[in-house]
């Protein structure tokens, strides 16, 4: 309506001006300016989209977080206190505090198979439970940036000259039974060419490394961190060889909440708080 009135006003103004070419051009330019101004007013007057989830969290001061407390050290029930603790739980608390002043996390215990259903049903607004990114679920949920990489790592004895995967060529490497090479085709071919020695569990492969049976071990990063936290003498060489990123899902309409969650996670990377959590729960 506002734009129609401005347009009609521009037309009347044009009709009242003399019909000389210069005046006609000036009238046309003025009419276009008026129309552009009207369009700008109309667009500027449109209300910004709101995220009701974010508004409720800020108003209530509560961030409901779903987690399955059955996988330490990420989330577990403390036997002495009965409280749910772990890496993800502490991350949830710090995340809530940084989202907005006065916000606190409320932990909601949910079985692993029901985590996504609980989120979509509104029992919580985020899920923090060591969930990997799943491309097939992106139609139903939106994912945060990664906060933990649980992918495959190369573990060696401290002081070893092995610094990268290429350095283990011709050497015995411990892996778990069922190990399948991942990564790009070149890396897969290289892994298949190694003298792999298979063990019942990743921890068994690490014990073999510590005892000198193998020169290195390929295990998931979680097992490596837990083992190194309890037993000294080993270290991770280089970056993960294959990524398995843990992320935080939210409902698709929680776009402001997702932006704020990503902001906090990136800040925690930069200021060292994420590394501090790793040291606390894994002894990294």
Protein backbone atom coordinates (compact mmCIF):
# COMPACT_ATOMS: atom_id res chain seq x y z
CA UNK A 1 0.00 0.00 0.00
CA UNK A 2 2.82 2.37 0.92
CA UNK A 3 4.51 1.69 -2.44
CA UNK A 4 1.25 2.19 -4.41
CA UNK A 5 0.68 5.59 -2.83
CA UNK A 6 4.21 6.71 -3.64
CA UNK A 7 3.83 5.46 -7.21
CA UNK A 8 0.55 7.35 -7.70
CA UNK A 9 2.13 10.49 -6.28
CA UNK A 10 5.00 10.20 -8.76
CA UNK A 11 2.54 9.87 -11.65
CA UNK A 12 0.60 12.97 -10.61
CA UNK A 13 3.82 14.90 -10.27
CA UNK A 14 4.89 13.88 -13.77
CA UNK A 15 1.58 14.99 -15.28
CA UNK A 16 1.83 18.45 -13.71
CA UNK A 17 5.29 19.22 -15.09
CA UNK A 18 5.73 20.94 -18.46
CA UNK A 19 6.13 18.62 -21.42
CA UNK A 20 9.61 19.77 -22.44
CA UNK A 21 12.13 16.89 -22.94
CA UNK A 22 14.40 18.02 -20.09
CA UNK A 23 11.48 18.27 -17.71
CA UNK A 24 10.17 14.91 -18.83
CA UNK A 25 13.54 13.32 -18.07
CA UNK A 26 13.72 15.01 -14.71
CA UNK A 27 10.20 13.87 -13.91
CA UNK A 28 11.05 10.31 -14.91
CA UNK A 29 14.16 10.29 -12.75
CA UNK A 30 12.21 11.73 -9.84
CA UNK A 31 9.47 9.13 -10.26
CA UNK A 32 12.07 6.34 -10.31
CA UNK A 33 13.70 7.75 -7.20
CA UNK A 34 10.35 7.86 -5.44
CA UNK A 35 9.59 4.28 -6.44
CA UNK A 36 13.03 3.13 -5.31
CA UNK A 37 12.54 4.92 -2.02
CA UNK A 38 9.17 3.27 -1.60
CA UNK A 39 10.64 -0.15 -2.30
CA UNK A 40 13.43 0.50 0.21
CA UNK A 41 10.88 1.52 2.83
CA UNK A 42 8.81 -1.57 2.16
CA UNK A 43 11.79 -3.92 2.42
CA UNK A 44 13.19 -2.11 5.41
CA UNK A 45 9.85 -2.30 7.13
CA UNK A 46 9.62 -6.09 6.91
CA UNK A 47 10.06 -7.69 10.32
CA UNK A 48 13.15 -9.85 10.82
CA UNK A 49 12.59 -13.59 11.07
CA UNK A 50 12.46 -14.77 14.67
CA UNK A 51 13.77 -17.93 16.22
CA UNK A 52 11.22 -18.85 18.93
CA UNK A 53 13.60 -21.43 20.40
CA UNK A 54 16.30 -18.83 20.96
CA UNK A 55 13.79 -16.37 22.44
CA UNK A 56 12.53 -18.99 24.90
CA UNK A 57 16.05 -19.97 25.96
CA UNK A 58 17.03 -16.37 26.64
CA UNK A 59 13.76 -15.57 28.46
CA UNK A 60 13.75 -18.74 30.58
CA UNK A 61 17.50 -18.95 31.15
CA UNK A 62 17.39 -22.70 30.41
CA UNK A 63 19.01 -24.67 27.57
CA UNK A 64 17.57 -28.24 27.56
CA UNK A 65 20.25 -30.69 26.36
CA UNK A 66 19.55 -34.33 25.47
CA UNK A 67 22.26 -36.92 26.06
CA UNK A 68 22.59 -40.67 26.45
CA UNK A 69 24.71 -41.20 29.62
CA UNK A 70 26.12 -44.56 28.61
CA UNK A 71 29.42 -43.78 26.92
CA UNK A 72 32.19 -42.50 29.18
CA UNK A 73 34.07 -40.28 29.19
CA UNK A 74 31.66 -38.30 26.99
CA UNK A 75 28.61 -38.91 29.19
CA UNK A 76 28.00 -41.24 32.11
CA UNK A 77 26.24 -41.47 35.47
CA UNK A 78 28.55 -40.81 38.41
CA UNK A 79 28.19 -43.77 40.79
CA UNK A 80 28.71 -41.68 43.89
CA UNK A 81 26.51 -38.67 43.14
CA UNK A 82 24.08 -40.14 40.59
CA UNK A 83 24.65 -37.05 38.44
CA UNK A 84 25.32 -37.18 34.72
CA UNK A 85 28.88 -36.08 33.98
CA UNK A 86 31.41 -36.24 31.17
CA UNK A 87 33.05 -34.31 28.37
CA UNK A 88 29.78 -33.54 26.56
CA UNK A 89 28.00 -32.59 29.78
CA UNK A 90 30.68 -30.11 30.78
CA UNK A 91 30.72 -28.76 27.23
CA UNK A 92 26.93 -28.31 27.44
CA UNK A 93 27.29 -26.29 30.65
CA UNK A 94 29.99 -24.05 29.27
CA UNK A 95 28.10 -23.66 26.01
CA UNK A 96 24.95 -22.53 27.81
CA UNK A 97 26.84 -20.00 29.90
CA UNK A 98 28.38 -18.44 26.81
CA UNK A 99 25.18 -18.34 24.77
CA UNK A 100 23.67 -15.49 26.78
CA UNK A 101 23.91 -14.10 30.33
CA UNK A 102 22.06 -16.19 32.90
CA UNK A 103 21.51 -19.25 30.68
CA UNK A 104 22.20 -22.69 32.21
CA UNK A 105 22.10 -26.18 30.73
CA UNK A 106 19.45 -28.66 31.87
CA UNK A 107 20.56 -32.22 31.08
CA UNK A 108 17.84 -34.55 29.78
CA UNK A 109 18.69 -38.28 29.84
CA UNK A 110 17.51 -40.06 26.67
CA UNK A 111 18.32 -43.47 25.17
CA UNK A 112 20.72 -43.29 22.25
CA UNK A 113 18.22 -44.54 19.66
CA UNK A 114 15.72 -41.87 20.73
CA UNK A 115 17.97 -38.80 20.75
CA UNK A 116 16.80 -37.39 17.42
CA UNK A 117 13.15 -38.13 18.20
CA UNK A 118 13.47 -36.33 21.53
CA UNK A 119 14.96 -33.29 19.80
CA UNK A 120 12.25 -33.11 17.13
CA UNK A 121 9.54 -33.66 19.76
CA UNK A 122 10.79 -30.65 21.74
CA UNK A 123 12.11 -32.48 24.80
CA UNK A 124 15.36 -30.59 24.30
CA UNK A 125 16.75 -27.90 22.01
CA UNK A 126 20.18 -29.42 21.31
CA UNK A 127 21.71 -32.90 21.49
CA UNK A 128 25.18 -33.34 22.93
CA UNK A 129 25.95 -37.04 22.98
CA UNK A 130 29.00 -37.80 20.80
CA UNK A 131 26.87 -37.86 17.66
CA UNK A 132 28.70 -38.00 14.32
CA UNK A 133 27.61 -35.91 11.37
CA UNK A 134 25.08 -37.77 9.20
CA UNK A 135 24.39 -36.27 5.78
CA UNK A 136 21.14 -38.25 5.44
CA UNK A 137 19.65 -36.45 8.47
CA UNK A 138 20.20 -32.91 7.20
CA UNK A 139 16.60 -32.73 5.95
CA UNK A 140 15.37 -33.15 9.52
CA UNK A 141 18.00 -31.39 11.60
CA UNK A 142 20.72 -28.76 11.27
CA UNK A 143 24.25 -29.51 12.50
CA UNK A 144 26.79 -27.33 14.24
CA UNK A 145 30.44 -27.16 13.35
CA UNK A 146 32.48 -30.11 14.63
CA UNK A 147 33.60 -30.01 18.26
CA UNK A 148 35.53 -33.31 18.40
CA UNK A 149 37.27 -35.49 15.81
CA UNK A 150 37.12 -39.17 16.76
CA UNK A 151 38.70 -40.38 13.53
CA UNK A 152 41.52 -42.81 12.89
CA UNK A 153 44.95 -41.83 14.26
CA UNK A 154 48.47 -43.21 14.08
CA UNK A 155 49.92 -43.94 17.52
CA UNK A 156 53.63 -44.48 18.10
CA UNK A 157 56.01 -44.81 21.04
CA UNK A 158 57.34 -41.53 22.37
CA UNK A 159 60.68 -40.69 20.80
CA UNK A 160 59.91 -42.70 17.68
CA UNK A 161 61.13 -41.39 14.34
CA UNK A 162 57.71 -42.14 12.86
CA UNK A 163 55.97 -38.82 12.19
CA UNK A 164 53.50 -39.71 9.44
CA UNK A 165 51.77 -42.68 7.84
CA UNK A 166 54.41 -42.92 5.11
CA UNK A 167 57.06 -43.64 7.75
CA UNK A 168 55.54 -47.02 8.67
CA UNK A 169 56.08 -48.61 5.25
CA UNK A 170 57.64 -52.02 5.76
CA UNK A 171 57.01 -51.95 9.51
CA UNK A 172 54.44 -54.00 11.52
CA UNK A 173 51.34 -51.97 12.38
CA UNK A 174 48.72 -53.04 14.92
CA UNK A 175 45.01 -52.70 14.11
CA UNK A 176 41.73 -54.10 15.39
CA UNK A 177 40.08 -57.13 13.81
CA UNK A 178 37.66 -55.88 11.17
CA UNK A 179 39.81 -52.85 10.38
CA UNK A 180 38.95 -51.51 6.92
CA UNK A 181 41.21 -48.87 5.33
CA UNK A 182 39.50 -45.50 4.90
CA UNK A 183 40.40 -42.21 3.26
CA UNK A 184 41.22 -41.46 -0.37
CA UNK A 185 42.09 -44.25 -2.82
CA UNK A 186 45.83 -43.67 -2.53
CA UNK A 187 45.73 -43.89 1.26
CA UNK A 188 43.56 -47.00 1.14
CA UNK A 189 46.01 -48.71 -1.22
CA UNK A 190 48.92 -47.79 1.03
CA UNK A 191 47.18 -49.12 4.16
CA UNK A 192 46.34 -52.38 2.43
CA UNK A 193 49.99 -52.81 1.51
CA UNK A 194 51.19 -52.58 5.12
CA UNK A 195 52.06 -55.54 7.27
CA UNK A 196 48.97 -55.22 9.46
CA UNK A 197 48.77 -57.30 12.64
CA UNK A 198 45.23 -57.66 13.90
CA UNK A 199 44.18 -57.71 17.55
CA UNK A 200 40.88 -58.31 19.35
CA UNK A 201 40.42 -54.66 20.37
CA UNK A 202 42.05 -51.28 19.69
CA UNK A 203 43.38 -51.30 23.26
CA UNK A 204 45.04 -54.65 22.56
CA UNK A 205 46.77 -53.12 19.54
CA UNK A 206 48.04 -50.29 21.75
CA UNK A 207 49.36 -52.76 24.33
CA UNK A 208 51.19 -54.54 21.54
CA UNK A 209 52.69 -51.21 20.52
CA UNK A 210 53.78 -50.46 24.06
CA UNK A 211 55.41 -53.87 24.42
CA UNK A 212 57.29 -53.50 21.12
CA UNK A 213 55.40 -56.10 19.09
CA UNK A 214 54.53 -53.48 16.47
CA UNK A 215 56.06 -50.17 15.41
CA UNK A 216 52.76 -48.27 15.37
CA UNK A 217 49.04 -48.75 15.83
CA UNK A 218 46.04 -47.44 13.92
CA UNK A 219 43.10 -46.87 16.28
CA UNK A 220 40.26 -44.40 16.82
CA UNK A 221 41.25 -41.19 18.57
CA UNK A 222 39.03 -41.79 21.60
CA UNK A 223 40.68 -45.11 22.42
CA UNK A 224 44.10 -43.55 21.86
CA UNK A 225 43.41 -40.64 24.22
CA UNK A 226 41.94 -42.83 26.95
CA UNK A 227 44.84 -45.29 26.74
CA UNK A 228 47.47 -42.55 26.78
CA UNK A 229 45.74 -40.95 29.75
CA UNK A 230 46.16 -44.17 31.73
CA UNK A 231 49.44 -45.47 30.30
CA UNK A 232 52.38 -43.25 29.45
CA UNK A 233 54.93 -43.71 26.72
CA UNK A 234 52.74 -43.34 23.62
CA UNK A 235 51.78 -40.37 21.46
CA UNK A 236 49.72 -39.55 18.39
CA UNK A 237 51.70 -38.84 15.25
CA UNK A 238 50.25 -36.08 13.09
CA UNK A 239 46.59 -35.33 12.42
CA UNK A 240 43.73 -37.88 12.16
CA UNK A 241 44.00 -39.99 9.02
CA UNK A 242 40.21 -40.15 8.64
CA UNK A 243 37.65 -37.80 10.13
CA UNK A 244 34.74 -38.78 12.34
CA UNK A 245 33.39 -35.45 13.49
CA UNK A 246 31.05 -35.12 16.46
CA UNK A 247 28.50 -32.35 16.05
CA UNK A 248 25.51 -30.79 17.82
CA UNK A 249 22.12 -31.15 16.07
CA UNK A 250 19.29 -28.63 16.48
CA UNK A 251 15.88 -28.32 14.88
CA UNK A 252 15.95 -26.62 11.44
CA UNK A 253 13.95 -23.61 12.61
CA UNK A 254 16.41 -22.91 15.45
CA UNK A 255 18.63 -20.87 13.13
CA UNK A 256 19.59 -18.20 15.67
CA UNK A 257 20.40 -20.85 18.27
CA UNK A 258 22.59 -22.66 15.71
CA UNK A 259 24.47 -19.44 14.91
CA UNK A 260 25.13 -18.84 18.60
CA UNK A 261 26.21 -22.43 19.22
CA UNK A 262 28.69 -22.21 16.35
CA UNK A 263 29.98 -18.90 17.67
CA UNK A 264 30.67 -20.39 21.10
CA UNK A 265 32.31 -23.54 19.73
CA UNK A 266 34.65 -21.50 17.54
CA UNK A 267 35.47 -19.20 20.45
CA UNK A 268 36.29 -22.20 22.63
CA UNK A 269 38.67 -23.48 19.98
CA UNK A 270 40.42 -20.14 19.81
CA UNK A 271 40.74 -19.47 23.54
CA UNK A 272 41.92 -22.99 24.41
CA UNK A 273 38.84 -24.07 26.39
CA UNK A 274 38.16 -27.00 24.08
CA UNK A 275 41.71 -28.24 24.53
CA UNK A 276 41.26 -27.81 28.28
CA UNK A 277 38.21 -30.09 28.19
CA UNK A 278 40.22 -32.72 26.33
CA UNK A 279 42.95 -32.59 28.96
CA UNK A 280 40.41 -32.89 31.77
CA UNK A 281 38.51 -35.89 30.41
CA UNK A 282 41.16 -37.70 28.40
CA UNK A 283 44.40 -36.63 30.01
CA UNK A 284 45.54 -35.45 26.57
